[in-house]
Protein backbone atom coordinates (compact mmCIF):
# COMPACT_ATOMS: atom_id res chain seq x y z
CA UNK A 1 -69.74 57.11 70.03
CA UNK A 2 -68.02 54.17 68.32
CA UNK A 3 -68.29 50.79 70.05
CA UNK A 4 -65.16 49.02 71.23
CA UNK A 5 -64.63 45.63 72.77
CA UNK A 6 -62.65 45.58 75.97
CA UNK A 7 -58.89 46.03 75.86
CA UNK A 8 -58.60 42.43 77.07
CA UNK A 9 -60.71 41.19 74.15
CA UNK A 10 -58.49 43.09 71.70
CA UNK A 11 -55.31 41.74 73.29
CA UNK A 12 -56.52 38.17 72.69
CA UNK A 13 -57.19 38.69 68.96
CA UNK A 14 -53.90 37.06 67.82
CA UNK A 15 -55.09 33.77 69.33
CA UNK A 16 -57.13 31.64 66.94
CA UNK A 17 -59.95 30.02 68.89
CA UNK A 18 -60.02 27.16 66.39
CA UNK A 19 -56.32 26.46 66.89
CA UNK A 20 -56.75 26.73 70.65
CA UNK A 21 -59.53 24.13 70.68
CA UNK A 22 -57.43 21.79 68.52
CA UNK A 23 -54.58 22.07 71.03
CA UNK A 24 -57.01 21.62 73.93
CA UNK A 25 -58.30 18.39 72.39
CA UNK A 26 -54.74 17.18 71.81
CA UNK A 27 -53.66 17.94 75.39
CA UNK A 28 -56.56 16.48 77.35
CA UNK A 29 -56.57 13.75 79.95
CA UNK A 30 -59.41 12.09 81.83
CA UNK A 31 -63.13 12.55 81.36
CA UNK A 32 -64.80 15.22 79.27
CA UNK A 33 -64.83 18.63 80.95
CA UNK A 34 -68.31 19.73 81.97
CA UNK A 35 -68.38 22.67 84.36
CA UNK A 36 -65.61 24.64 82.58
CA UNK A 37 -63.46 24.42 79.46
CA UNK A 38 -59.74 24.90 78.86
CA UNK A 39 -60.68 28.24 77.26
CA UNK A 40 -62.37 29.31 80.51
CA UNK A 41 -59.20 28.27 82.33
CA UNK A 42 -57.04 30.27 79.94
CA UNK A 43 -59.22 33.40 80.16
CA UNK A 44 -59.19 33.25 83.97
CA UNK A 45 -55.43 32.68 84.26
CA UNK A 46 -54.43 35.21 81.60
CA UNK A 47 -56.75 37.77 83.18
CA UNK A 48 -55.01 37.18 86.50
CA UNK A 49 -51.63 37.75 84.82
CA UNK A 50 -52.63 41.04 83.21
CA UNK A 51 -54.69 42.46 86.07
CA UNK A 52 -52.57 41.45 89.03
CA UNK A 53 -54.96 38.99 90.71
CA UNK A 54 -53.30 37.30 93.69
CA UNK A 55 -55.32 34.18 94.50
CA UNK A 56 -57.93 31.76 93.16
CA UNK A 57 -60.62 33.52 95.21
CA UNK A 58 -59.46 36.85 93.75
CA UNK A 59 -59.64 35.45 90.20
CA UNK A 60 -63.12 34.00 90.79
CA UNK A 61 -64.48 37.28 92.19
CA UNK A 62 -63.01 39.34 89.37
CA UNK A 63 -64.44 37.04 86.68
CA UNK A 64 -67.88 37.16 88.29
CA UNK A 65 -67.82 40.96 88.37
CA UNK A 66 -66.94 41.05 84.65
CA UNK A 67 -69.39 38.33 83.59
CA UNK A 68 -71.13 40.40 80.90
CA UNK A 69 -67.84 41.33 79.29
CA UNK A 70 -66.64 37.72 79.35
CA UNK A 71 -69.60 36.74 77.14
CA UNK A 72 -68.00 38.44 74.13
CA UNK A 73 -64.85 36.40 74.74
CA UNK A 74 -66.81 33.15 74.58
CA UNK A 75 -65.96 32.48 78.21
CA UNK A 76 -67.72 32.34 81.54
CA UNK A 77 -66.73 32.72 85.19
CA UNK A 78 -65.01 29.68 86.63
CA UNK A 79 -65.21 28.47 90.23
CA UNK A 80 -61.92 28.51 92.10
CA UNK A 81 -62.15 24.79 92.89
CA UNK A 82 -62.66 24.01 89.20
CA UNK A 83 -59.79 26.28 88.16
CA UNK A 84 -57.51 24.66 90.74
CA UNK A 85 -58.43 21.19 89.45
CA UNK A 86 -57.77 22.14 85.81
CA UNK A 87 -54.42 23.70 86.73
CA UNK A 88 -53.45 20.60 88.65
CA UNK A 89 -54.56 17.85 86.26
CA UNK A 90 -54.87 19.13 82.67
CA UNK A 91 -51.49 19.18 80.84
CA UNK A 92 -49.60 22.47 80.78
CA UNK A 93 -48.20 21.45 77.36
CA UNK A 94 -51.31 23.05 75.83
CA UNK A 95 -49.95 26.47 76.75
CA UNK A 96 -46.41 25.62 75.73
CA UNK A 97 -47.66 24.77 72.23
CA UNK A 98 -49.87 27.87 72.17
CA UNK A 99 -46.86 30.02 73.07
CA UNK A 100 -44.86 28.74 70.11
CA UNK A 101 -47.81 29.15 67.74
CA UNK A 102 -48.08 32.80 68.75
CA UNK A 103 -44.33 33.20 68.47
CA UNK A 104 -44.48 32.33 64.76
CA UNK A 105 -46.77 35.33 64.23
CA UNK A 106 -44.53 37.61 66.29
CA UNK A 107 -41.56 36.81 64.06
CA UNK A 108 -43.32 38.46 61.10
CA UNK A 109 -43.15 41.89 62.76
CA UNK A 110 -40.51 44.21 61.30
CA UNK A 111 -37.80 44.86 63.89
CA UNK A 112 -34.18 45.89 64.14
CA UNK A 113 -31.56 45.89 66.88
CA UNK A 114 -29.37 48.90 67.60
CA UNK A 115 -26.17 47.62 65.94
CA UNK A 116 -25.16 48.24 62.35
CA UNK A 117 -24.57 44.59 61.48
CA UNK A 118 -27.60 42.71 60.13
CA UNK A 119 -27.04 39.40 61.90
CA UNK A 120 -29.84 38.42 64.29
CA UNK A 121 -28.65 39.01 67.86
CA UNK A 122 -29.72 36.95 70.86
CA UNK A 123 -28.94 36.83 74.57
CA UNK A 124 -29.08 33.49 76.35
CA UNK A 125 -29.66 33.30 80.09
CA UNK A 126 -31.59 31.51 82.82
CA UNK A 127 -33.26 32.78 85.97
CA UNK A 128 -34.37 30.84 89.04
CA UNK A 129 -37.96 31.23 90.23
CA UNK A 130 -37.79 30.61 93.96
CA UNK A 131 -40.46 28.50 95.64
CA UNK A 132 -41.32 27.65 99.22
CA UNK A 133 -39.67 24.36 100.15
CA UNK A 134 -42.54 23.60 102.54
CA UNK A 135 -45.24 24.11 99.88
CA UNK A 136 -43.32 22.74 96.87
CA UNK A 137 -41.21 19.79 98.14
CA UNK A 138 -41.10 18.32 94.62
CA UNK A 139 -38.95 21.33 93.53
CA UNK A 140 -36.29 20.88 96.23
CA UNK A 141 -32.68 20.77 95.11
CA UNK A 142 -30.96 21.60 98.39
CA UNK A 143 -31.94 20.99 101.98
CA UNK A 144 -33.24 24.56 102.29
CA UNK A 145 -34.09 25.63 98.72
CA UNK A 146 -36.74 24.92 96.09
CA UNK A 147 -37.08 26.51 92.65
CA UNK A 148 -37.72 26.04 88.96
CA UNK A 149 -35.55 27.55 86.25
CA UNK A 150 -36.70 29.66 83.30
CA UNK A 151 -34.26 29.67 80.35
CA UNK A 152 -34.71 32.08 77.44
CA UNK A 153 -33.04 33.12 74.23
CA UNK A 154 -34.07 36.77 73.80
CA UNK A 155 -34.10 38.35 70.34
CA UNK A 156 -32.63 41.85 70.66
CA UNK A 157 -34.54 43.16 67.64
CA UNK A 158 -38.01 42.45 68.99
CA UNK A 159 -37.17 41.93 72.69
CA UNK A 160 -39.22 38.73 72.44
CA UNK A 161 -38.00 35.40 73.88
CA UNK A 162 -37.84 33.15 70.85
CA UNK A 163 -36.49 30.19 72.81
CA UNK A 164 -38.03 29.26 76.17
CA UNK A 165 -37.61 26.28 78.45
CA UNK A 166 -38.71 25.55 82.03
CA UNK A 167 -36.68 23.03 84.00
CA UNK A 168 -35.87 21.93 87.52
CA UNK A 169 -33.91 24.37 89.66
CA UNK A 170 -30.90 22.09 90.08
CA UNK A 171 -30.46 21.52 86.35
CA UNK A 172 -27.32 22.99 84.78
CA UNK A 173 -28.02 25.97 82.50
CA UNK A 174 -26.21 24.26 79.63
CA UNK A 175 -28.71 21.38 79.40
CA UNK A 176 -31.51 23.60 78.08
CA UNK A 177 -29.23 26.18 76.46
CA UNK A 178 -27.67 23.54 74.25
CA UNK A 179 -31.11 22.54 72.94
CA UNK A 180 -31.91 25.97 71.50
CA UNK A 181 -31.42 25.98 67.73
CA UNK A 182 -30.26 29.50 66.89
CA UNK A 183 -30.50 30.38 63.18
CA UNK A 184 -27.42 30.28 60.99
CA UNK A 185 -25.67 33.64 60.83
CA UNK A 186 -26.99 34.79 64.21
CA UNK A 187 -24.87 35.92 67.16
CA UNK A 188 -25.55 34.75 70.71
CA UNK A 189 -24.25 36.46 73.86
CA UNK A 190 -24.07 34.55 77.15
CA UNK A 191 -22.16 34.58 80.42
CA UNK A 192 -19.54 32.16 81.75
CA UNK A 193 -22.23 29.78 83.01
CA UNK A 194 -22.66 28.55 79.42
CA UNK A 195 -19.01 27.81 78.66
CA UNK A 196 -18.84 24.39 77.02
CA UNK A 197 -16.02 23.68 74.57
CA UNK A 198 -17.94 21.02 72.65
CA UNK A 199 -20.86 23.47 72.26
CA UNK A 200 -18.45 26.15 70.99
CA UNK A 201 -17.34 23.76 68.26
CA UNK A 202 -20.95 22.87 67.39
CA UNK A 203 -22.05 26.53 67.18
CA UNK A 204 -19.10 27.36 64.92
CA UNK A 205 -19.84 24.40 62.65
CA UNK A 206 -23.48 25.57 62.33
CA UNK A 207 -22.44 29.12 61.40
CA UNK A 208 -23.69 30.62 64.68
CA UNK A 209 -21.50 33.27 66.30
CA UNK A 210 -21.15 33.74 70.03
CA UNK A 211 -19.74 36.27 72.49
CA UNK A 212 -18.92 35.30 76.05
CA UNK A 213 -16.26 35.89 78.69
CA UNK A 214 -13.04 33.89 78.95
CA UNK A 215 -12.49 32.06 82.19
CA UNK A 216 -9.45 33.39 84.11
CA UNK A 217 -7.75 30.00 84.31
CA UNK A 218 -8.31 29.03 80.67
CA UNK A 219 -5.21 27.58 78.98
CA UNK A 220 -4.48 28.94 75.50
CA UNK A 221 -1.81 29.86 72.97
CA UNK A 222 -1.73 33.18 71.10
CA UNK A 223 -1.66 32.62 67.34
CA UNK A 224 -1.98 36.20 66.12
CA UNK A 225 -2.50 39.77 67.35
CA UNK A 226 -4.24 42.70 65.70
CA UNK A 227 -3.71 46.44 66.26
CA UNK A 228 -6.18 48.08 68.67
CA UNK A 229 -7.46 51.56 69.45
CA UNK A 230 -6.74 51.90 73.16
CA UNK A 231 -8.75 55.12 73.43
CA UNK A 232 -11.87 52.97 72.96
CA UNK A 233 -10.91 50.76 75.89
CA UNK A 234 -9.55 47.82 73.86
CA UNK A 235 -6.29 46.52 75.37
CA UNK A 236 -5.67 43.60 73.02
CA UNK A 237 -7.27 41.69 70.16
CA UNK A 238 -5.82 38.22 69.60
CA UNK A 239 -6.46 34.95 67.81
CA UNK A 240 -5.98 32.12 70.29
CA UNK A 241 -6.16 28.35 70.44
CA UNK A 242 -7.49 26.80 73.62
CA UNK A 243 -4.75 24.26 74.30
CA UNK A 244 -5.82 22.25 77.34
CA UNK A 245 -6.34 18.51 76.87
CA UNK A 246 -10.04 19.05 77.62
CA UNK A 247 -10.36 21.64 74.81
CA UNK A 248 -8.37 19.61 72.28
CA UNK A 249 -10.51 16.54 72.90
CA UNK A 250 -13.64 18.53 72.06
CA UNK A 251 -12.28 20.04 68.84
CA UNK A 252 -12.52 23.72 69.72
CA UNK A 253 -11.55 25.89 66.71
CA UNK A 254 -9.30 28.93 66.90
CA UNK A 255 -11.14 31.74 68.68
CA UNK A 256 -10.76 35.46 69.23
CA UNK A 257 -9.76 36.95 72.58
CA UNK A 258 -10.60 40.63 73.20
CA UNK A 259 -9.32 42.34 76.36
CA UNK A 260 -11.38 45.41 77.15
CA UNK A 261 -11.52 48.07 79.87
CA UNK A 262 -14.78 49.90 80.53
CA UNK A 263 -13.80 53.57 80.32
CA UNK A 264 -16.59 54.61 82.70
CA UNK A 265 -16.07 52.05 85.46
CA UNK A 266 -12.42 51.09 84.90
CA UNK A 267 -13.40 47.41 85.12
CA UNK A 268 -11.47 44.92 82.97
CA UNK A 269 -13.12 42.24 80.83
CA UNK A 270 -11.77 39.49 78.58
CA UNK A 271 -14.20 38.35 75.88
CA UNK A 272 -14.14 35.19 73.81
CA UNK A 273 -15.81 34.94 70.41
CA UNK A 274 -15.74 33.03 67.13
CA UNK A 275 -16.53 36.19 65.15
CA UNK A 276 -13.46 37.66 63.43
CA UNK A 277 -15.28 40.27 61.29
CA UNK A 278 -16.76 42.74 63.77
CA UNK A 279 -14.58 45.32 65.46
CA UNK A 280 -13.25 44.57 68.94
CA UNK A 281 -15.27 47.51 70.35
CA UNK A 282 -18.45 46.01 68.83
CA UNK A 283 -17.69 42.65 70.45
CA UNK A 284 -17.52 44.39 73.82
CA UNK A 285 -20.75 46.30 73.08
CA UNK A 286 -22.56 43.07 72.17
CA UNK A 287 -21.74 41.54 75.53
CA UNK A 288 -22.77 44.73 77.31
CA UNK A 289 -26.14 44.66 75.51
CA UNK A 290 -26.72 41.21 77.03
CA UNK A 291 -28.24 43.29 79.82
CA UNK A 292 -31.48 43.23 77.79
CA UNK A 293 -32.20 39.69 78.94
CA UNK A 294 -31.76 40.77 82.56
CA UNK A 295 -34.30 43.55 81.95
CA UNK A 296 -36.66 40.97 80.46
CA UNK A 297 -36.52 38.83 83.60
CA UNK A 298 -37.01 41.91 85.75
CA UNK A 299 -40.07 42.98 83.72
CA UNK A 300 -41.87 39.64 83.89
CA UNK A 301 -41.13 39.12 87.60
CA UNK A 302 -42.37 42.59 88.50
CA UNK A 303 -45.42 42.75 86.24
CA UNK A 304 -46.57 39.16 85.69
CA UNK A 305 -47.45 36.49 88.21
CA UNK A 306 -44.51 34.08 88.24
CA UNK A 307 -43.40 34.59 91.83
CA UNK A 308 -46.68 33.93 93.70
CA UNK A 309 -48.53 30.82 92.53
CA UNK A 310 -52.16 29.72 92.79
CA UNK A 311 -51.37 25.99 92.64
CA UNK A 312 -48.94 23.63 94.36
CA UNK A 313 -48.27 20.88 91.80
CA UNK A 314 -45.61 20.97 89.11
CA UNK A 315 -48.26 21.05 86.37
CA UNK A 316 -49.98 24.03 88.01
CA UNK A 317 -46.68 25.91 88.20
CA UNK A 318 -45.88 25.18 84.55
CA UNK A 319 -49.39 26.23 83.51
CA UNK A 320 -49.04 29.59 85.26
CA UNK A 321 -45.56 30.28 83.87
CA UNK A 322 -46.47 29.38 80.28
CA UNK A 323 -49.60 31.56 80.44
CA UNK A 324 -47.41 34.38 81.77
CA UNK A 325 -45.14 33.97 78.73
CA UNK A 326 -48.19 33.99 76.43
CA UNK A 327 -49.37 37.20 78.12
CA UNK A 328 -45.96 38.74 77.44
CA UNK A 329 -46.30 37.84 73.74
CA UNK A 330 -49.81 39.30 73.57
CA UNK A 331 -48.54 42.57 75.01
CA UNK A 332 -45.66 42.46 72.51
CA UNK A 333 -48.26 42.19 69.72
CA UNK A 334 -49.88 45.37 71.04
CA UNK A 335 -46.58 47.17 71.31
CA UNK A 336 -46.81 48.61 67.79
CA UNK A 337 -49.91 50.54 68.95
CA UNK A 338 -48.04 52.18 71.80
CA UNK A 339 -46.11 55.43 71.86
CA UNK A 340 -42.58 55.27 70.52
CA UNK A 341 -40.10 54.31 73.20
CA UNK A 342 -42.63 52.54 75.43
CA UNK A 343 -41.23 49.35 76.94
CA UNK A 344 -43.28 46.18 77.38
CA UNK A 345 -43.01 46.78 81.11
CA UNK A 346 -44.68 50.19 80.80
CA UNK A 347 -47.38 48.81 78.50
CA UNK A 348 -48.16 46.05 81.02
CA UNK A 349 -48.74 48.64 83.73
CA UNK A 350 -51.07 50.70 81.54
CA UNK A 351 -53.05 47.66 80.41
CA UNK A 352 -53.45 46.50 84.01
CA UNK A 353 -55.46 49.65 84.73
CA UNK A 354 -57.55 49.41 81.55
CA UNK A 355 -58.04 45.67 81.01
CA UNK A 356 -61.86 45.71 80.94
CA UNK A 357 -62.30 49.24 79.64
CA UNK A 358 -64.21 49.53 76.35
CA UNK A 359 -61.50 51.44 74.55
CA UNK A 360 -59.39 50.69 71.52
CA UNK A 361 -55.86 49.58 72.30
CA UNK A 362 -54.66 52.60 70.35
CA UNK A 363 -56.61 54.85 72.71
CA UNK A 364 -55.30 53.02 75.77
CA UNK A 365 -51.68 53.12 74.65
CA UNK A 366 -51.80 56.52 72.93
CA UNK A 367 -54.04 58.69 75.11
CA UNK A 368 -54.92 62.08 73.57
CA UNK A 369 -53.07 65.10 74.97
CA UNK A 370 -54.78 66.90 77.79
CA UNK A 371 -56.98 69.83 76.68
CA UNK A 372 -56.79 71.42 80.07
CA UNK A 373 -55.24 74.84 79.71
CA UNK A 374 -52.85 76.02 82.30
CA UNK A 375 -54.61 78.61 84.42
CA UNK A 376 -53.00 81.95 84.89
CA UNK A 377 -52.21 82.94 88.41
CA UNK A 378 -55.01 85.13 89.78
CA UNK A 379 -52.61 87.47 91.51
CA UNK A 380 -50.35 87.91 88.52
CA UNK A 381 -49.20 91.52 88.23
CA UNK A 382 -48.41 93.30 85.01
CA UNK A 383 -45.21 95.25 85.40
C-alpha cells in the first residue's frame, strides 16, 4: 500500500514554510515566542476552520488527539491559553500578507468564465459579519448592533476573491471598494450601494468596465437610442448623460442605459454601464451573474468559522477571518483534483470528514465507484 500524508498536510503544500517564517518575523511584537510559534497558531486555527472546531478547548483537544500526525507538519499541539494569547496580541497582518502571497499562485491556474467575451469579470460586494454587542463593544456602530464588514472582488473565472478587505461595520461600502485596483480591460458588476459618480469617471479613465443598476431618481438626458430585440426582454438601449449638478461636477462620461424585463419573473430592471460593445442582453446577464458573489458569502459563512469566534479582541477577529480566507484559497488549490462540477462548498464538506485521513487528495475528492453489485431480489419470479 502506498504511503500518503494526511489530506490536511497535502492541502497546506502551496504554503512555503520559509516564506511563512519570514512573514512571521516581520509581523512580530513583544518578546520571543517560547511555548508555541506562529506556525503552531496557524495550524491550530486553520485546522479549526477545515474541521469545524467550535472553541479553544475543542481545538486543543483535537490537536492533542492528532499529535503524531502534526509532527509531519512541523507543528505541535498548542494550549488554549497560549492560542488565545497569540490571537489577541500577535498581528493579524501576517495572515493578510500570507493570503495575498497564496493568491498570486492561484492566479496562474487556467480558468474561464461562462461568457463569450474574454474580459476578466468580477463582482464587487460586501457582507456584514454580525457580532454580539455585549462581547464585542469595540465593533458597535448602533446602540443595538455590532459587526465587521468583509468586502470582496470575486473573479468569476476562478470563483476566487482576488480583492479582500475587512473593515468596521459602519464603514460605507465605497471606502474599501474604491481601493480595489481592477485590471485594465476587466468588467466589474456591483449593486446600487457602490454608485459613486466620481468613481465611475475614474473606472472609465482606467479602461475598467462596470455594470450596475441606475437609481430611480437619477437625472439624465438621452443622447442616442439603439434598436432592441424585445423578445429577449430588452425594452430599451440608450446612450445617456447624467445631467445633475452633482454628476457634472464629478465629470461623469456618457453612459449606457439598458432597460430589461426578466421574462421568467416579469420584474423590471434598469442597468447602467460604460460598456458600449456587448449586447444589451449580455449586460443584463452580467448583472444577473453577480449572484456568484452572494454564493461565495453563503459558502464561507456555512462552511468556515467566521460567525462564531474564539477570541474577543479586534486582532483575534481579524486573525480568524484572514485564516478562513486562506483556508478557502487552499481548498481552491485542491479544486482541480475534484470531480468536474464540484463547488468549493462541496469540497469543504468532503475535506471536513477526511482532514486527517492518510489518503491522497485525488482519492478524497474522486472516490472510486462502488464495486458493490446490486443484489437480485430473492423472490424474483421468471415469467
